[in-house]
C-alpha atoms as a PDB file:
ATOM      1  CA  MET A   1      23.042  23.283  13.948  1.00  0.00           C
ATOM      2  CA  SER A   2      22.430  24.423  10.756  1.00  0.00           C
ATOM      3  CA  GLY A   3      20.622  22.294   7.732  1.00  0.00           C
ATOM      4  CA  SER A   4      18.813  19.864  10.240  1.00  0.00           C
ATOM      5  CA  TYR A   5      15.347  19.164  11.212  1.00  0.00           C
ATOM      6  CA  LYS A   6      13.898  18.197  14.403  1.00  0.00           C
ATOM      7  CA  ILE A   7      11.253  15.480  13.722  1.00  0.00           C
ATOM      8  CA  GLY A   8       8.218  17.679  14.284  1.00  0.00           C
ATOM      9  CA  SER A   9       9.871  20.200  11.363  1.00  0.00           C
ATOM     10  CA  LEU A  10      10.272  17.730   9.541  1.00  0.00           C
ATOM     11  CA  ALA A  11       7.124  15.697   9.372  1.00  0.00           C
ATOM     12  CA  LYS A  12       5.499  19.231   8.581  1.00  0.00           C
ATOM     13  CA  ALA A  13       7.945  19.666   5.842  1.00  0.00           C
ATOM     14  CA  SER A  14       7.171  16.254   4.560  1.00  0.00           C
ATOM     15  CA  GLY A  15       3.845  16.020   4.715  1.00  0.00           C
ATOM     16  CA  VAL A  16       3.799  12.925   7.605  1.00  0.00           C
ATOM     17  CA  SER A  17       3.367  12.505  10.743  1.00  0.00           C
ATOM     18  CA  VAL A  18       5.969  12.328  13.771  1.00  0.00           C
ATOM     19  CA  GLU A  19       4.819   9.037  14.099  1.00  0.00           C
ATOM     20  CA  THR A  20       5.272   7.890  10.920  1.00  0.00           C
ATOM     21  CA  LEU A  21       8.892   9.648  10.666  1.00  0.00           C
ATOM     22  CA  ARG A  22       9.432   7.463  14.183  1.00  0.00           C
ATOM     23  CA  PHE A  23       7.874   3.941  11.646  1.00  0.00           C
ATOM     24  CA  TYR A  24       9.730   4.240   9.173  1.00  0.00           C
ATOM     25  CA  GLU A  25      12.830   4.769  11.235  1.00  0.00           C
ATOM     26  CA  LYS A  26      12.519   1.829  13.236  1.00  0.00           C
ATOM     27  CA  GLN A  27      11.725   0.134   9.752  1.00  0.00           C
ATOM     28  CA  GLY A  28      15.546   1.025   9.005  1.00  0.00           C
ATOM     29  CA  LEU A  29      13.888   3.299   5.768  1.00  0.00           C
ATOM     30  CA  LEU A  30      15.451   6.478   7.515  1.00  0.00           C
ATOM     31  CA  PRO A  31      18.807   6.275   9.413  1.00  0.00           C
ATOM     32  CA  GLU A  32      19.271   7.548  13.506  1.00  0.00           C
ATOM     33  CA  PRO A  33      19.302  10.688  13.523  1.00  0.00           C
ATOM     34  CA  ASN A  34      21.447  12.392  15.252  1.00  0.00           C
ATOM     35  CA  ARG A  35      20.873  14.112  18.157  1.00  0.00           C
ATOM     36  CA  SER A  36      21.311  17.466  19.957  1.00  0.00           C
ATOM     37  CA  GLU A  37      22.599  18.212  23.649  1.00  0.00           C
ATOM     38  CA  SER A  38      18.742  18.313  24.723  1.00  0.00           C
ATOM     39  CA  GLY A  39      17.977  14.847  23.445  1.00  0.00           C
ATOM     40  CA  TYR A  40      16.146  16.051  20.154  1.00  0.00           C
ATOM     41  CA  ARG A  41      16.464  14.185  17.033  1.00  0.00           C
ATOM     42  CA  LEU A  42      18.348  16.158  14.552  1.00  0.00           C
ATOM     43  CA  TYR A  43      17.869  15.043  11.341  1.00  0.00           C
ATOM     44  CA  PRO A  44      20.060  15.994   7.835  1.00  0.00           C
ATOM     45  CA  GLU A  45      17.894  17.836   4.849  1.00  0.00           C
ATOM     46  CA  SER A  46      18.632  14.153   3.001  1.00  0.00           C
ATOM     47  CA  ALA A  47      16.258  12.862   5.517  1.00  0.00           C
ATOM     48  CA  ARG A  48      13.707  15.289   3.939  1.00  0.00           C
ATOM     49  CA  ASN A  49      14.695  13.822   0.509  1.00  0.00           C
ATOM     50  CA  GLN A  50      14.661  10.379   1.723  1.00  0.00           C
ATOM     51  CA  VAL A  51      11.120  10.857   3.021  1.00  0.00           C
ATOM     52  CA  GLU A  52      10.147  12.171  -0.409  1.00  0.00           C
ATOM     53  CA  PHE A  53      11.787   9.394  -2.386  1.00  0.00           C
ATOM     54  CA  ILE A  54       9.679   6.852   0.118  1.00  0.00           C
ATOM     55  CA  LEU A  55       6.440   8.874  -0.529  1.00  0.00           C
ATOM     56  CA  ARG A  56       6.409   8.473  -4.180  1.00  0.00           C
ATOM     57  CA  ALA A  57       7.586   4.884  -4.108  1.00  0.00           C
ATOM     58  CA  LYS A  58       4.496   4.128  -2.151  1.00  0.00           C
ATOM     59  CA  ALA A  59       2.218   6.768  -4.381  1.00  0.00           C
ATOM     60  CA  VAL A  60       3.359   4.235  -7.355  1.00  0.00           C
ATOM     61  CA  GLY A  61       2.622   0.832  -4.942  1.00  0.00           C
ATOM     62  CA  PHE A  62       5.705  -0.234  -3.921  1.00  0.00           C
ATOM     63  CA  SER A  63       5.488  -2.011  -0.004  1.00  0.00           C
ATOM     64  CA  LEU A  64       7.954  -0.566   2.592  1.00  0.00           C
ATOM     65  CA  LYS A  65       9.473  -3.850   2.135  1.00  0.00           C
ATOM     66  CA  ASP A  66       9.989  -3.172  -1.475  1.00  0.00           C
ATOM     67  CA  ILE A  67      11.094   0.595  -0.511  1.00  0.00           C
ATOM     68  CA  ALA A  68      13.947  -1.071   1.452  1.00  0.00           C
ATOM     69  CA  GLY A  69      14.821  -2.763  -1.376  1.00  0.00           C
ATOM     70  CA  LEU A  70      15.123  -0.010  -3.880  1.00  0.00           C
ATOM     71  CA  LEU A  71      16.673   2.612  -1.040  1.00  0.00           C
ATOM     72  CA  ASP A  72      19.321   0.467  -0.884  1.00  0.00           C
ATOM     73  CA  LEU A  73      19.584   0.550  -5.218  1.00  0.00           C
ATOM     74  CA  GLU A  74      19.407   3.922  -4.600  1.00  0.00           C
ATOM     75  CA  VAL A  75      22.533   4.360  -1.947  1.00  0.00           C
ATOM     76  CA  ASN A  76      24.891   1.915  -4.336  1.00  0.00           C
ATOM     77  CA  ARG A  77      23.381   3.767  -7.521  1.00  0.00           C
ATOM     78  CA  GLU A  78      26.989   3.778  -8.650  1.00  0.00           C
ATOM     79  CA  GLN A  79      27.403  -0.096  -8.215  1.00  0.00           C
ATOM     80  CA  GLU A  80      23.911  -0.951  -9.670  1.00  0.00           C
ATOM     81  CA  THR A  81      22.835  -1.285 -12.778  1.00  0.00           C
ATOM     82  CA  CYS A  82      19.836   0.828 -14.777  1.00  0.00           C
ATOM     83  CA  GLN A  83      18.634  -3.393 -16.232  1.00  0.00           C
ATOM     84  CA  THR A  84      18.375  -4.263 -12.488  1.00  0.00           C
ATOM     85  CA  VAL A  85      16.484  -1.541 -10.715  1.00  0.00           C
ATOM     86  CA  LYS A  86      14.088  -2.089 -14.144  1.00  0.00           C
ATOM     87  CA  ARG A  87      13.713  -5.644 -12.832  1.00  0.00           C
ATOM     88  CA  PHE A  88      13.083  -4.713  -9.315  1.00  0.00           C
ATOM     89  CA  ALA A  89      10.363  -2.782 -10.872  1.00  0.00           C
ATOM     90  CA  GLU A  90       8.854  -4.440 -13.868  1.00  0.00           C
ATOM     91  CA  GLU A  91       8.353  -7.440 -10.720  1.00  0.00           C
ATOM     92  CA  LYS A  92       6.283  -4.777  -9.002  1.00  0.00           C
ATOM     93  CA  LEU A  93       4.301  -3.773 -12.205  1.00  0.00           C
ATOM     94  CA  MET A  94       3.420  -7.508 -12.530  1.00  0.00           C
ATOM     95  CA  GLU A  95       2.268  -7.431  -9.326  1.00  0.00           C
ATOM     96  CA  ILE A  96       0.050  -4.948  -9.876  1.00  0.00           C
ATOM     97  CA  GLU A  97      -1.260  -6.200 -12.634  1.00  0.00           C
ATOM     98  CA  ASN A  98      -2.194 -10.024 -11.341  1.00  0.00           C
ATOM     99  CA  LYS A  99      -3.864  -7.848  -8.503  1.00  0.00           C
ATOM    100  CA  ILE A 100      -5.750  -5.911 -11.208  1.00  0.00           C
ATOM    101  CA  GLN A 101      -6.765  -9.415 -12.497  1.00  0.00           C
ATOM    102  CA  GLU A 102      -7.854 -10.450  -9.679  1.00  0.00           C
ATOM    103  CA  LEU A 103      -9.693  -7.617  -8.309  1.00  0.00           C
ATOM    104  CA  GLN A 104     -11.525  -7.714 -11.921  1.00  0.00           C
ATOM    105  CA  GLN A 105     -12.557 -11.454 -11.284  1.00  0.00           C
ATOM    106  CA  MET A 106     -13.953 -10.065  -7.676  1.00  0.00           C
ATOM    107  CA  ARG A 107     -15.987  -7.418  -9.133  1.00  0.00           C
ATOM    108  CA  THR A 108     -17.017  -9.935 -12.302  1.00  0.00           C
ATOM    109  CA  ALA A 109     -18.349 -12.541  -9.549  1.00  0.00           C
ATOM    110  CA  LEU A 110     -20.031  -9.909  -7.090  1.00  0.00           C
ATOM    111  CA  LYS A 111     -21.620  -8.436  -9.860  1.00  0.00           C
ATOM    112  CA  GLN A 112     -23.389 -11.692 -10.763  1.00  0.00           C
ATOM    113  CA  ILE A 113     -24.880 -12.637  -7.171  1.00  0.00           C
ATOM    114  CA  THR A 114     -25.598  -8.854  -6.640  1.00  0.00           C
ATOM    115  CA  ASP A 115     -27.572  -8.378 -10.142  1.00  0.00           C
ATOM    116  CA  ALA A 116     -29.185 -12.055  -8.879  1.00  0.00           C
ATOM    117  CA  CYS A 117     -30.455 -10.688  -5.847  1.00  0.00           C
ATOM    118  CA  CYS A 118     -34.011  -8.862  -5.983  1.00  0.00           C
ATOM    119  CA  GLY A 119     -32.960  -7.322  -3.237  1.00  0.00           C
ATOM    120  CA  GLY A 120     -36.558  -7.290  -1.648  1.00  0.00           C
ATOM    121  CA  PRO A 121     -39.053  -7.203   1.290  1.00  0.00           C
ATOM    122  CA  LEU A 122     -38.312 -11.345   1.325  1.00  0.00           C
ATOM    123  CA  PRO A 123     -37.039 -12.898   4.581  1.00  0.00           C
ATOM    124  CA  ALA A 124     -32.445 -12.897   4.081  1.00  0.00           C
ATOM    125  CA  SER A 125     -33.572 -16.794   3.990  1.00  0.00           C
ATOM    126  CA  HIS A 126     -34.651 -16.329   0.726  1.00  0.00           C
ATOM    127  CA  CYS A 127     -31.418 -13.963  -0.565  1.00  0.00           C
ATOM    128  CA  THR A 128     -29.432 -15.546  -3.678  1.00  0.00           C
ATOM    129  CA  ILE A 129     -26.570 -13.687  -2.337  1.00  0.00           C
ATOM    130  CA  LEU A 130     -26.413 -15.237   0.867  1.00  0.00           C
ATOM    131  CA  THR A 131     -26.844 -18.598  -0.742  1.00  0.00           C
ATOM    132  CA  ALA A 132     -24.433 -18.416  -3.000  1.00  0.00           C
ATOM    133  CA  LEU A 133     -21.470 -17.535  -0.362  1.00  0.00           C
ATOM    134  CA  ALA A 134     -22.859 -20.061   2.025  1.00  0.00           C
ATOM    135  CA  ASP A 135     -22.833 -23.000  -1.014  1.00  0.00           C
ATOM    136  CA  GLY A 136     -20.467 -21.688  -3.700  1.00  0.00           C
ATOM    137  CA  HIS A 137     -23.595 -20.922  -6.052  1.00  0.00           C
ATOM    138  CA  PRO A 138     -26.922 -19.464  -6.009  1.00  0.00           C
ATOM    139  CA  ASP A 139     -30.327 -22.331  -5.444  1.00  0.00           C
ATOM    140  CA  LYS A 140     -32.029 -22.079  -8.951  1.00  0.00           C
ATOM    141  CA  GLU A 141     -35.247 -22.376  -7.454  1.00  0.00           C
ATOM    142  CA  LYS A 142     -34.436 -19.897  -5.002  1.00  0.00           C
ATOM    143  CA  GLN A 143     -32.978 -17.925  -7.108  1.00  0.00           C
ATOM    144  CA  HIS A 144     -35.979 -17.535  -9.460  1.00  0.00           C
ATOM    145  CA  ALA A 145     -38.707 -17.239  -6.237  1.00  0.00           C
ATOM    146  CA  THR A 146     -36.886 -14.039  -5.210  1.00  0.00           C
ATOM    147  CA  TYR A 147     -38.071 -12.108  -8.882  1.00  0.00           C
END
């Protein structure tokens, strides 16, 4: 069949594993391919484009669930508006910005408790990191004792 890929050649052409293609198919991100007389999956050229679309969407932070929504928008391009697609992307951007803010807060908190620890040879029972995690805050007396 001209212009079609067996699963291994599509995987190689797309830079993903055969298991990834099967997973995408199972998740509905790739349509079920035709089969050869001997039972091999035969993907059309458009499947490679779709895998590349999925990979690019993943690279900018979209989850597989999000990508399913994007693929629906892609299939219905003529019926959808740019506003709909932009809103979809803006919601993801807001989600990513919220995650970044959470990570920055986590970094700040971890840096504070790490900086408070002497990192010395005392037993871990004196460790301000463990105290902060166990109690929610480092014990002031223990904190000064470990410097």
